[in-house]
C-alpha atoms as a PDB file:
ATOM      1  CA  MET A   1      11.501 272.577  56.617  1.00  0.00           C
ATOM      2  CA  ARG A   2       8.397 271.046  55.041  1.00  0.00           C
ATOM      3  CA  GLU A   3       5.571 272.559  53.079  1.00  0.00           C
ATOM      4  CA  LEU A   4       2.103 271.057  53.243  1.00  0.00           C
ATOM      5  CA  SER A   5      -0.775 272.167  51.057  1.00  0.00           C
ATOM      6  CA  SER A   6      -4.461 271.373  51.041  1.00  0.00           C
ATOM      7  CA  GLY A   7      -6.456 272.684  48.092  1.00  0.00           C
ATOM      8  CA  HIS A   8      -5.470 276.329  47.709  1.00  0.00           C
ATOM      9  CA  THR A   9      -4.342 276.752  51.326  1.00  0.00           C
ATOM     10  CA  GLY A  10      -0.693 276.156  52.135  1.00  0.00           C
ATOM     11  CA  ILE A  11       0.716 275.655  55.630  1.00  0.00           C
ATOM     12  CA  ARG A  12       4.440 275.752  56.313  1.00  0.00           C
ATOM     13  CA  ILE A  13       5.736 273.828  59.293  1.00  0.00           C
ATOM     14  CA  ASP A  14       9.250 274.506  60.550  1.00  0.00           C
ATOM     15  CA  HIS A  15      10.959 272.161  62.996  1.00  0.00           C
ATOM     16  CA  LEU A  16      14.386 271.046  64.075  1.00  0.00           C
ATOM     17  CA  PRO A  17      16.634 268.793  61.934  1.00  0.00           C
ATOM     18  CA  GLU A  18      15.768 265.108  62.117  1.00  0.00           C
ATOM     19  CA  THR A  19      19.075 264.253  63.790  1.00  0.00           C
ATOM     20  CA  SER A  20      18.178 266.283  66.855  1.00  0.00           C
ATOM     21  CA  LEU A  21      14.417 265.888  66.916  1.00  0.00           C
ATOM     22  CA  PRO A  22      12.898 265.531  70.391  1.00  0.00           C
ATOM     23  CA  PRO A  23      10.010 263.113  70.985  1.00  0.00           C
ATOM     24  CA  ALA A  24       6.905 263.751  68.930  1.00  0.00           C
ATOM     25  CA  HIS A  25       4.856 264.947  71.906  1.00  0.00           C
ATOM     26  CA  ASN A  26       7.535 267.511  72.822  1.00  0.00           C
ATOM     27  CA  ARG A  27       8.484 268.612  69.320  1.00  0.00           C
ATOM     28  CA  PRO A  28       7.993 272.378  68.847  1.00  0.00           C
ATOM     29  CA  LEU A  29       5.987 273.266  65.760  1.00  0.00           C
ATOM     30  CA  GLU A  30       5.370 276.640  64.204  1.00  0.00           C
ATOM     31  CA  ALA A  31       2.447 276.813  61.759  1.00  0.00           C
ATOM     32  CA  GLU A  32       2.067 279.727  59.416  1.00  0.00           C
ATOM     33  CA  VAL A  33      -0.612 280.225  56.762  1.00  0.00           C
ATOM     34  CA  ILE A  34       1.183 281.116  53.530  1.00  0.00           C
ATOM     35  CA  PHE A  35      -1.785 281.793  51.266  1.00  0.00           C
ATOM     36  CA  CYS A  36      -5.486 281.118  50.916  1.00  0.00           C
ATOM     37  CA  VAL A  37      -6.693 282.027  47.446  1.00  0.00           C
ATOM     38  CA  GLN A  38      -9.838 280.737  45.719  1.00  0.00           C
ATOM     39  CA  GLY A  39     -10.413 278.104  48.363  1.00  0.00           C
ATOM     40  CA  ALA A  40     -13.848 276.998  49.475  1.00  0.00           C
ATOM     41  CA  ILE A  41     -13.573 279.078  52.653  1.00  0.00           C
ATOM     42  CA  SER A  42     -12.107 282.140  50.946  1.00  0.00           C
ATOM     43  CA  PRO A  43     -15.457 283.967  50.343  1.00  0.00           C
ATOM     44  CA  LEU A  44     -16.514 283.341  53.949  1.00  0.00           C
ATOM     45  CA  LEU A  45     -13.254 284.697  55.317  1.00  0.00           C
ATOM     46  CA  ALA A  46     -13.536 287.730  53.032  1.00  0.00           C
ATOM     47  CA  ASN A  47     -17.054 288.515  54.270  1.00  0.00           C
ATOM     48  CA  VAL A  48     -16.052 288.222  57.919  1.00  0.00           C
ATOM     49  CA  TYR A  49     -12.807 290.168  57.579  1.00  0.00           C
ATOM     50  CA  LEU A  50     -13.890 292.884  55.171  1.00  0.00           C
ATOM     51  CA  HIS A  51     -17.093 293.676  57.050  1.00  0.00           C
ATOM     52  CA  TYR A  52     -15.088 295.662  59.560  1.00  0.00           C
ATOM     53  CA  VAL A  53     -12.091 296.551  57.385  1.00  0.00           C
ATOM     54  CA  LEU A  54     -14.112 297.880  54.432  1.00  0.00           C
ATOM     55  CA  ASP A  55     -17.908 297.873  54.845  1.00  0.00           C
ATOM     56  CA  LEU A  56     -18.288 299.758  58.106  1.00  0.00           C
ATOM     57  CA  TRP A  57     -15.409 302.080  57.288  1.00  0.00           C
ATOM     58  CA  ALA A  58     -16.806 302.905  53.800  1.00  0.00           C
ATOM     59  CA  GLU A  59     -20.229 303.649  55.293  1.00  0.00           C
ATOM     60  CA  ARG A  60     -18.682 306.066  57.767  1.00  0.00           C
ATOM     61  CA  TRP A  61     -16.580 307.661  54.998  1.00  0.00           C
ATOM     62  CA  ARG A  62     -19.709 308.160  52.889  1.00  0.00           C
ATOM     63  CA  ARG A  63     -21.497 309.976  55.716  1.00  0.00           C
ATOM     64  CA  ARG A  64     -18.581 312.164  56.800  1.00  0.00           C
ATOM     65  CA  GLU A  65     -16.311 312.725  53.784  1.00  0.00           C
ATOM     66  CA  ALA A  66     -18.277 312.332  50.540  1.00  0.00           C
ATOM     67  CA  THR A  67     -19.559 315.534  48.949  1.00  0.00           C
ATOM     68  CA  GLY A  68     -21.899 313.754  46.504  1.00  0.00           C
ATOM     69  CA  ASP A  69     -23.661 310.460  46.015  1.00  0.00           C
ATOM     70  CA  MET A  70     -21.692 307.278  46.648  1.00  0.00           C
ATOM     71  CA  ILE A  71     -22.558 303.616  46.218  1.00  0.00           C
ATOM     72  CA  ILE A  72     -20.544 300.481  46.970  1.00  0.00           C
ATOM     73  CA  VAL A  73     -21.246 296.884  45.929  1.00  0.00           C
ATOM     74  CA  ARG A  74     -19.134 294.053  47.312  1.00  0.00           C
ATOM     75  CA  TYR A  75     -19.198 290.293  46.782  1.00  0.00           C
ATOM     76  CA  ALA A  76     -16.567 288.416  48.814  1.00  0.00           C
ATOM     77  CA  ASP A  77     -13.295 290.225  48.024  1.00  0.00           C
ATOM     78  CA  ASP A  78     -14.501 291.857  44.793  1.00  0.00           C
ATOM     79  CA  PHE A  79     -16.133 295.270  45.022  1.00  0.00           C
ATOM     80  CA  ILE A  80     -16.883 298.364  42.969  1.00  0.00           C
ATOM     81  CA  VAL A  81     -17.491 301.886  44.243  1.00  0.00           C
ATOM     82  CA  GLY A  82     -19.341 304.606  42.341  1.00  0.00           C
ATOM     83  CA  PHE A  83     -19.090 308.344  42.971  1.00  0.00           C
ATOM     84  CA  GLN A  84     -20.888 311.395  41.686  1.00  0.00           C
ATOM     85  CA  HIS A  85     -17.736 313.534  41.799  1.00  0.00           C
ATOM     86  CA  GLU A  86     -14.276 312.547  40.569  1.00  0.00           C
ATOM     87  CA  ALA A  87     -12.591 314.294  43.509  1.00  0.00           C
ATOM     88  CA  ASP A  88     -14.433 312.014  45.951  1.00  0.00           C
ATOM     89  CA  ALA A  89     -13.319 308.955  44.003  1.00  0.00           C
ATOM     90  CA  ARG A  90      -9.648 309.941  44.102  1.00  0.00           C
ATOM     91  CA  ARG A  91      -9.726 310.810  47.807  1.00  0.00           C
ATOM     92  CA  PHE A  92     -11.509 307.562  48.632  1.00  0.00           C
ATOM     93  CA  LEU A  93      -9.004 305.493  46.642  1.00  0.00           C
ATOM     94  CA  ASP A  94      -6.011 307.052  48.398  1.00  0.00           C
ATOM     95  CA  THR A  95      -7.597 306.728  51.834  1.00  0.00           C
ATOM     96  CA  MET A  96      -8.699 303.152  51.180  1.00  0.00           C
ATOM     97  CA  ARG A  97      -5.147 302.107  50.297  1.00  0.00           C
ATOM     98  CA  GLU A  98      -3.971 303.458  53.646  1.00  0.00           C
ATOM     99  CA  ARG A  99      -6.863 301.754  55.422  1.00  0.00           C
ATOM    100  CA  LEU A 100      -6.069 298.352  53.905  1.00  0.00           C
ATOM    101  CA  GLN A 101      -2.365 298.658  54.674  1.00  0.00           C
ATOM    102  CA  GLU A 102      -3.215 298.900  58.365  1.00  0.00           C
ATOM    103  CA  PHE A 103      -4.566 295.328  58.118  1.00  0.00           C
ATOM    104  CA  ALA A 104      -1.763 293.982  55.896  1.00  0.00           C
ATOM    105  CA  LEU A 105      -4.013 294.081  52.814  1.00  0.00           C
ATOM    106  CA  SER A 106      -3.529 295.679  49.410  1.00  0.00           C
ATOM    107  CA  LEU A 107      -5.485 296.267  46.219  1.00  0.00           C
ATOM    108  CA  HIS A 108      -4.736 294.163  43.167  1.00  0.00           C
ATOM    109  CA  PRO A 109      -2.654 296.442  40.903  1.00  0.00           C
ATOM    110  CA  GLU A 110      -4.046 294.993  37.659  1.00  0.00           C
ATOM    111  CA  LYS A 111      -7.698 294.966  38.743  1.00  0.00           C
ATOM    112  CA  THR A 112      -7.890 298.367  40.414  1.00  0.00           C
ATOM    113  CA  ARG A 113      -8.874 301.190  38.057  1.00  0.00           C
ATOM    114  CA  LEU A 114     -10.417 304.624  38.246  1.00  0.00           C
ATOM    115  CA  ILE A 115     -12.676 305.083  35.207  1.00  0.00           C
ATOM    116  CA  GLU A 116     -15.338 307.514  34.042  1.00  0.00           C
ATOM    117  CA  PHE A 117     -18.620 305.647  33.766  1.00  0.00           C
ATOM    118  CA  GLY A 118     -22.283 306.541  33.803  1.00  0.00           C
ATOM    119  CA  ARG A 119     -25.023 308.561  32.193  1.00  0.00           C
ATOM    120  CA  LEU A 120     -22.884 311.617  31.372  1.00  0.00           C
ATOM    121  CA  ALA A 121     -19.635 309.803  30.581  1.00  0.00           C
ATOM    122  CA  VAL A 122     -20.243 309.575  26.821  1.00  0.00           C
ATOM    123  CA  GLU A 123     -20.970 313.278  26.372  1.00  0.00           C
ATOM    124  CA  ASN A 124     -18.154 314.385  28.679  1.00  0.00           C
ATOM    125  CA  ARG A 125     -15.550 312.253  26.933  1.00  0.00           C
ATOM    126  CA  LYS A 126     -16.754 313.324  23.497  1.00  0.00           C
ATOM    127  CA  ARG A 127     -16.465 316.945  24.548  1.00  0.00           C
ATOM    128  CA  ARG A 128     -12.824 316.347  25.524  1.00  0.00           C
ATOM    129  CA  GLY A 129     -12.075 314.525  22.280  1.00  0.00           C
ATOM    130  CA  LEU A 130     -11.817 311.075  23.883  1.00  0.00           C
ATOM    131  CA  GLY A 131     -13.308 307.758  22.825  1.00  0.00           C
ATOM    132  CA  LYS A 132     -16.044 305.664  24.343  1.00  0.00           C
ATOM    133  CA  PRO A 133     -16.121 305.158  28.122  1.00  0.00           C
ATOM    134  CA  GLU A 134     -14.092 302.268  29.468  1.00  0.00           C
ATOM    135  CA  THR A 135     -15.791 299.051  30.485  1.00  0.00           C
ATOM    136  CA  PHE A 136     -15.250 296.997  33.618  1.00  0.00           C
ATOM    137  CA  THR A 137     -15.800 293.369  34.577  1.00  0.00           C
ATOM    138  CA  PHE A 138     -17.580 292.356  37.764  1.00  0.00           C
ATOM    139  CA  LEU A 139     -18.749 288.871  38.769  1.00  0.00           C
ATOM    140  CA  GLY A 140     -18.315 287.491  35.267  1.00  0.00           C
ATOM    141  CA  PHE A 141     -20.150 290.309  33.448  1.00  0.00           C
ATOM    142  CA  ILE A 142     -18.775 293.156  31.361  1.00  0.00           C
ATOM    143  CA  PHE A 143     -20.534 296.446  32.121  1.00  0.00           C
ATOM    144  CA  ILE A 144     -20.860 298.811  29.149  1.00  0.00           C
ATOM    145  CA  CYS A 145     -22.308 302.302  28.752  1.00  0.00           C
ATOM    146  CA  SER A 146     -25.083 301.872  26.215  1.00  0.00           C
ATOM    147  CA  LYS A 147     -28.439 303.305  25.115  1.00  0.00           C
ATOM    148  CA  THR A 148     -31.925 301.950  24.707  1.00  0.00           C
ATOM    149  CA  ARG A 149     -33.846 301.990  21.439  1.00  0.00           C
ATOM    150  CA  ARG A 150     -35.355 305.301  22.522  1.00  0.00           C
ATOM    151  CA  GLY A 151     -31.920 306.824  23.038  1.00  0.00           C
ATOM    152  CA  LYS A 152     -31.899 306.774  26.852  1.00  0.00           C
ATOM    153  CA  PHE A 153     -28.875 305.744  28.887  1.00  0.00           C
ATOM    154  CA  GLN A 154     -28.624 302.075  29.779  1.00  0.00           C
ATOM    155  CA  ILE A 155     -25.981 299.880  31.405  1.00  0.00           C
ATOM    156  CA  LYS A 156     -25.423 296.876  29.203  1.00  0.00           C
ATOM    157  CA  ARG A 157     -24.293 293.628  30.790  1.00  0.00           C
ATOM    158  CA  LYS A 158     -22.511 291.017  28.743  1.00  0.00           C
ATOM    159  CA  SER A 159     -20.938 287.721  29.813  1.00  0.00           C
ATOM    160  CA  GLY A 160     -17.157 287.765  29.751  1.00  0.00           C
ATOM    161  CA  ARG A 161     -15.556 285.875  26.887  1.00  0.00           C
ATOM    162  CA  ASP A 162     -12.875 284.327  29.065  1.00  0.00           C
ATOM    163  CA  ARG A 163     -15.338 282.610  31.366  1.00  0.00           C
ATOM    164  CA  MET A 164     -17.474 281.364  28.494  1.00  0.00           C
ATOM    165  CA  ARG A 165     -14.380 280.002  26.757  1.00  0.00           C
ATOM    166  CA  VAL A 166     -13.350 278.128  29.891  1.00  0.00           C
ATOM    167  CA  LYS A 167     -16.872 276.738  30.300  1.00  0.00           C
ATOM    168  CA  LEU A 168     -16.990 275.521  26.698  1.00  0.00           C
ATOM    169  CA  GLN A 169     -13.584 273.898  27.075  1.00  0.00           C
ATOM    170  CA  ALA A 170     -14.808 272.013  30.156  1.00  0.00           C
ATOM    171  CA  ILE A 171     -17.921 270.874  28.258  1.00  0.00           C
ATOM    172  CA  LYS A 172     -15.746 269.677  25.386  1.00  0.00           C
ATOM    173  CA  GLN A 173     -13.585 267.560  27.681  1.00  0.00           C
ATOM    174  CA  GLU A 174     -16.601 266.059  29.446  1.00  0.00           C
ATOM    175  CA  LEU A 175     -18.321 265.272  26.150  1.00  0.00           C
ATOM    176  CA  ARG A 176     -15.272 263.320  25.036  1.00  0.00           C
ATOM    177  CA  ARG A 177     -15.435 261.317  28.227  1.00  0.00           C
ATOM    178  CA  ARG A 178     -19.146 260.654  27.596  1.00  0.00           C
ATOM    179  CA  MET A 179     -18.639 260.082  23.894  1.00  0.00           C
ATOM    180  CA  HIS A 180     -20.031 256.539  23.775  1.00  0.00           C
ATOM    181  CA  GLN A 181     -22.951 257.101  26.101  1.00  0.00           C
ATOM    182  CA  PRO A 182     -26.464 256.928  24.604  1.00  0.00           C
ATOM    183  CA  ILE A 183     -27.671 260.198  23.139  1.00  0.00           C
ATOM    184  CA  PRO A 184     -30.472 260.589  25.732  1.00  0.00           C
ATOM    185  CA  GLU A 185     -27.920 260.449  28.552  1.00  0.00           C
ATOM    186  CA  GLN A 186     -25.732 263.022  26.823  1.00  0.00           C
ATOM    187  CA  GLY A 187     -28.731 265.236  26.176  1.00  0.00           C
ATOM    188  CA  LYS A 188     -29.883 265.024  29.795  1.00  0.00           C
ATOM    189  CA  TRP A 189     -26.441 266.045  31.042  1.00  0.00           C
ATOM    190  CA  LEU A 190     -26.120 268.907  28.537  1.00  0.00           C
ATOM    191  CA  LYS A 191     -29.569 270.153  29.497  1.00  0.00           C
ATOM    192  CA  GLN A 192     -28.442 270.496  33.122  1.00  0.00           C
ATOM    193  CA  VAL A 193     -25.249 272.307  32.106  1.00  0.00           C
ATOM    194  CA  VAL A 194     -26.963 274.786  29.779  1.00  0.00           C
ATOM    195  CA  THR A 195     -29.779 275.392  32.256  1.00  0.00           C
ATOM    196  CA  GLY A 196     -27.275 276.167  34.995  1.00  0.00           C
ATOM    197  CA  TYR A 197     -25.411 278.584  32.719  1.00  0.00           C
ATOM    198  CA  PHE A 198     -28.639 280.357  31.778  1.00  0.00           C
ATOM    199  CA  ASN A 199     -29.770 280.603  35.405  1.00  0.00           C
ATOM    200  CA  TYR A 200     -26.788 282.857  36.125  1.00  0.00           C
ATOM    201  CA  HIS A 201     -26.141 284.638  32.826  1.00  0.00           C
ATOM    202  CA  ALA A 202     -29.706 285.151  31.558  1.00  0.00           C
ATOM    203  CA  VAL A 203     -29.846 288.847  32.509  1.00  0.00           C
ATOM    204  CA  PRO A 204     -31.351 291.634  30.393  1.00  0.00           C
ATOM    205  CA  THR A 205     -29.180 292.826  27.440  1.00  0.00           C
ATOM    206  CA  ASN A 206     -27.270 289.504  27.447  1.00  0.00           C
ATOM    207  CA  GLY A 207     -29.488 287.636  24.984  1.00  0.00           C
ATOM    208  CA  PRO A 208     -26.959 287.432  22.096  1.00  0.00           C
ATOM    209  CA  THR A 209     -24.387 285.820  24.385  1.00  0.00           C
ATOM    210  CA  LEU A 210     -26.884 283.163  25.478  1.00  0.00           C
ATOM    211  CA  THR A 211     -27.671 282.372  21.843  1.00  0.00           C
ATOM    212  CA  ALA A 212     -23.970 282.110  21.026  1.00  0.00           C
ATOM    213  CA  PHE A 213     -23.349 279.818  23.996  1.00  0.00           C
ATOM    214  CA  ARG A 214     -26.146 277.455  22.978  1.00  0.00           C
ATOM    215  CA  PHE A 215     -24.835 277.415  19.398  1.00  0.00           C
ATOM    216  CA  HIS A 216     -21.315 276.480  20.522  1.00  0.00           C
ATOM    217  CA  VAL A 217     -22.637 273.725  22.805  1.00  0.00           C
ATOM    218  CA  THR A 218     -24.672 272.300  19.933  1.00  0.00           C
ATOM    219  CA  ASN A 219     -21.613 272.367  17.657  1.00  0.00           C
ATOM    220  CA  LEU A 220     -19.469 270.613  20.278  1.00  0.00           C
ATOM    221  CA  TRP A 221     -22.148 267.947  20.641  1.00  0.00           C
ATOM    222  CA  ARG A 222     -22.257 267.450  16.866  1.00  0.00           C
ATOM    223  CA  ARG A 223     -18.473 267.104  16.625  1.00  0.00           C
ATOM    224  CA  THR A 224     -18.439 264.624  19.506  1.00  0.00           C
ATOM    225  CA  LEU A 225     -21.072 262.427  17.847  1.00  0.00           C
ATOM    226  CA  ARG A 226     -19.086 262.381  14.627  1.00  0.00           C
ATOM    227  CA  ARG A 227     -16.044 261.093  16.514  1.00  0.00           C
ATOM    228  CA  ARG A 228     -17.880 258.003  17.723  1.00  0.00           C
ATOM    229  CA  SER A 229     -17.413 256.225  14.399  1.00  0.00           C
ATOM    230  CA  GLN A 230     -15.804 256.805  11.039  1.00  0.00           C
ATOM    231  CA  LYS A 231     -19.174 256.059   9.440  1.00  0.00           C
ATOM    232  CA  ASP A 232     -21.008 258.600  11.592  1.00  0.00           C
ATOM    233  CA  TRP A 233     -21.742 261.728   9.549  1.00  0.00           C
ATOM    234  CA  THR A 234     -23.953 263.690  11.897  1.00  0.00           C
ATOM    235  CA  ILE A 235     -25.028 266.720   9.904  1.00  0.00           C
ATOM    236  CA  TRP A 236     -26.009 270.057  11.348  1.00  0.00           C
ATOM    237  CA  GLU A 237     -29.724 269.475  10.759  1.00  0.00           C
ATOM    238  CA  ARG A 238     -29.698 266.421  13.020  1.00  0.00           C
ATOM    239  CA  ALA A 239     -27.651 268.254  15.662  1.00  0.00           C
ATOM    240  CA  ALA A 240     -30.162 271.117  15.567  1.00  0.00           C
ATOM    241  CA  ARG A 241     -33.038 268.685  16.101  1.00  0.00           C
ATOM    242  CA  LEU A 242     -31.214 267.132  19.078  1.00  0.00           C
ATOM    243  CA  ALA A 243     -30.605 270.605  20.525  1.00  0.00           C
ATOM    244  CA  ASN A 244     -34.284 271.481  20.161  1.00  0.00           C
ATOM    245  CA  ASP A 245     -35.221 268.254  21.923  1.00  0.00           C
ATOM    246  CA  TRP A 246     -32.812 268.560  24.854  1.00  0.00           C
ATOM    247  CA  LEU A 247     -31.322 272.039  25.239  1.00  0.00           C
ATOM    248  CA  PRO A 248     -33.370 274.920  26.661  1.00  0.00           C
ATOM    249  CA  LYS A 249     -34.003 277.934  24.454  1.00  0.00           C
ATOM    250  CA  PRO A 250     -32.170 281.153  25.382  1.00  0.00           C
ATOM    251  CA  ARG A 251     -34.470 283.573  27.168  1.00  0.00           C
ATOM    252  CA  ILE A 252     -34.064 286.244  29.820  1.00  0.00           C
ATOM    253  CA  LEU A 253     -34.761 284.859  33.299  1.00  0.00           C
ATOM    254  CA  HIS A 254     -33.791 287.780  35.547  1.00  0.00           C
ATOM    255  CA  PRO A 255     -35.727 291.047  35.839  1.00  0.00           C
ATOM    256  CA  TRP A 256     -34.317 294.473  35.139  1.00  0.00           C
ATOM    257  CA  PRO A 257     -32.410 296.068  38.054  1.00  0.00           C
ATOM    258  CA  ASP A 258     -35.115 298.683  38.652  1.00  0.00           C
ATOM    259  CA  ALA A 259     -37.658 295.879  39.141  1.00  0.00           C
ATOM    260  CA  ARG A 260     -35.362 293.687  41.217  1.00  0.00           C
ATOM    261  CA  PHE A 261     -34.423 296.443  43.667  1.00  0.00           C
ATOM    262  CA  ALA A 262     -37.761 298.266  43.699  1.00  0.00           C
ATOM    263  CA  VAL A 263     -38.668 299.455  47.182  1.00  0.00           C
ATOM    264  CA  ARG A 264     -42.160 298.316  48.071  1.00  0.00           C
ATOM    265  CA  HIS A 265     -42.193 299.380  51.711  1.00  0.00           C
ATOM    266  CA  PRO A 266     -41.242 302.652  53.428  1.00  0.00           C
ATOM    267  CA  ARG A 267     -37.755 302.917  54.864  1.00  0.00           C
ATOM    268  CA  TRP A 268     -39.034 303.633  58.382  1.00  0.00           C
ATOM    269  CA  GLU A 269     -38.948 300.648  60.704  1.00  0.00           C
ATOM    270  CA  PRO A 270     -39.746 300.428  64.442  1.00  0.00           C
ATOM    271  CA  TYR A 271     -36.107 299.613  65.164  1.00  0.00           C
ATOM    272  CA  ALA A 272     -34.638 302.206  62.780  1.00  0.00           C
ATOM    273  CA  ARG A 273     -33.504 304.404  65.675  1.00  0.00           C
ATOM    274  CA  ILE A 274     -31.188 301.706  67.026  1.00  0.00           C
ATOM    275  CA  GLY A 275     -27.598 302.855  66.523  1.00  0.00           C
ATOM    276  CA  PRO A 276     -24.994 300.960  64.539  1.00  0.00           C
ATOM    277  CA  VAL A 277     -23.271 297.972  66.112  1.00  0.00           C
ATOM    278  CA  ARG A 278     -19.936 298.803  67.714  1.00  0.00           C
ATOM    279  CA  PHE A 279     -17.010 296.388  67.859  1.00  0.00           C
ATOM    280  CA  CYS A 280     -14.768 296.160  70.917  1.00  0.00           C
ATOM    281  CA  ALA A 281     -11.624 294.061  71.014  1.00  0.00           C
ATOM    282  CA  GLY A 282     -12.331 292.911  74.542  1.00  0.00           C
ATOM    283  CA  GLY A 283     -15.993 292.150  73.963  1.00  0.00           C
ATOM    284  CA  ALA A 284     -19.204 294.104  74.424  1.00  0.00           C
ATOM    285  CA  ARG A 285     -19.373 296.741  77.111  1.00  0.00           C
END
């Protein structure tokens, strides 16, 4: 028995012992996919597979079973579902487990939680003598029940510490490799890295995290320059000037959710009366 792996996808090939192997063109092979996690094709496979397994089924469940509002957001194999009533959430979770088992799938036990979250969660938990509402992480952001300066409810998004720590560690290793490059080349590369980080994480309510990330990058750059020579004593003032020359300033680049998802056109469309697409195992009929 041999095991071959390519990236994150492993393929196991079983064949007869070498002493009794038939010719190569007649040798029977049995290929079996062992796992495919975090590979380049994994998000594509998740979108194709879960469209029928989860998306269409959840839409039907919302129309037929839900007694209140329901919303679902999915990206590849990560998804969150919000309910107006707790009873709907518990029934959906139990039914979804059964649905996934029919396709040899299961929910991650450490990432699947049923929490109380939303506009009334703070008051309801305080009334029961509980603490603040739990937070959850989705697509690299921590979602927190918060309030605006005027006291209105607001969902606060904050970059996860784990991902930022991993990103800073990767920058540190790359800076050591580029240690003896000219400062303009280092600054040009760091500008691209910081700009790319801001393009994803520069969402409203995440300003302090952007400032902290830029500060840590500047400090790593300063420490790398000081390692170039025993006589190099790059002080913080010089590192700050280099950061101002090369690194972008932290600012919010993405609009608020109500502006991003604002509906500008009526929901009626000429083709709105066309029924949903139906899937048949043997093809269209």
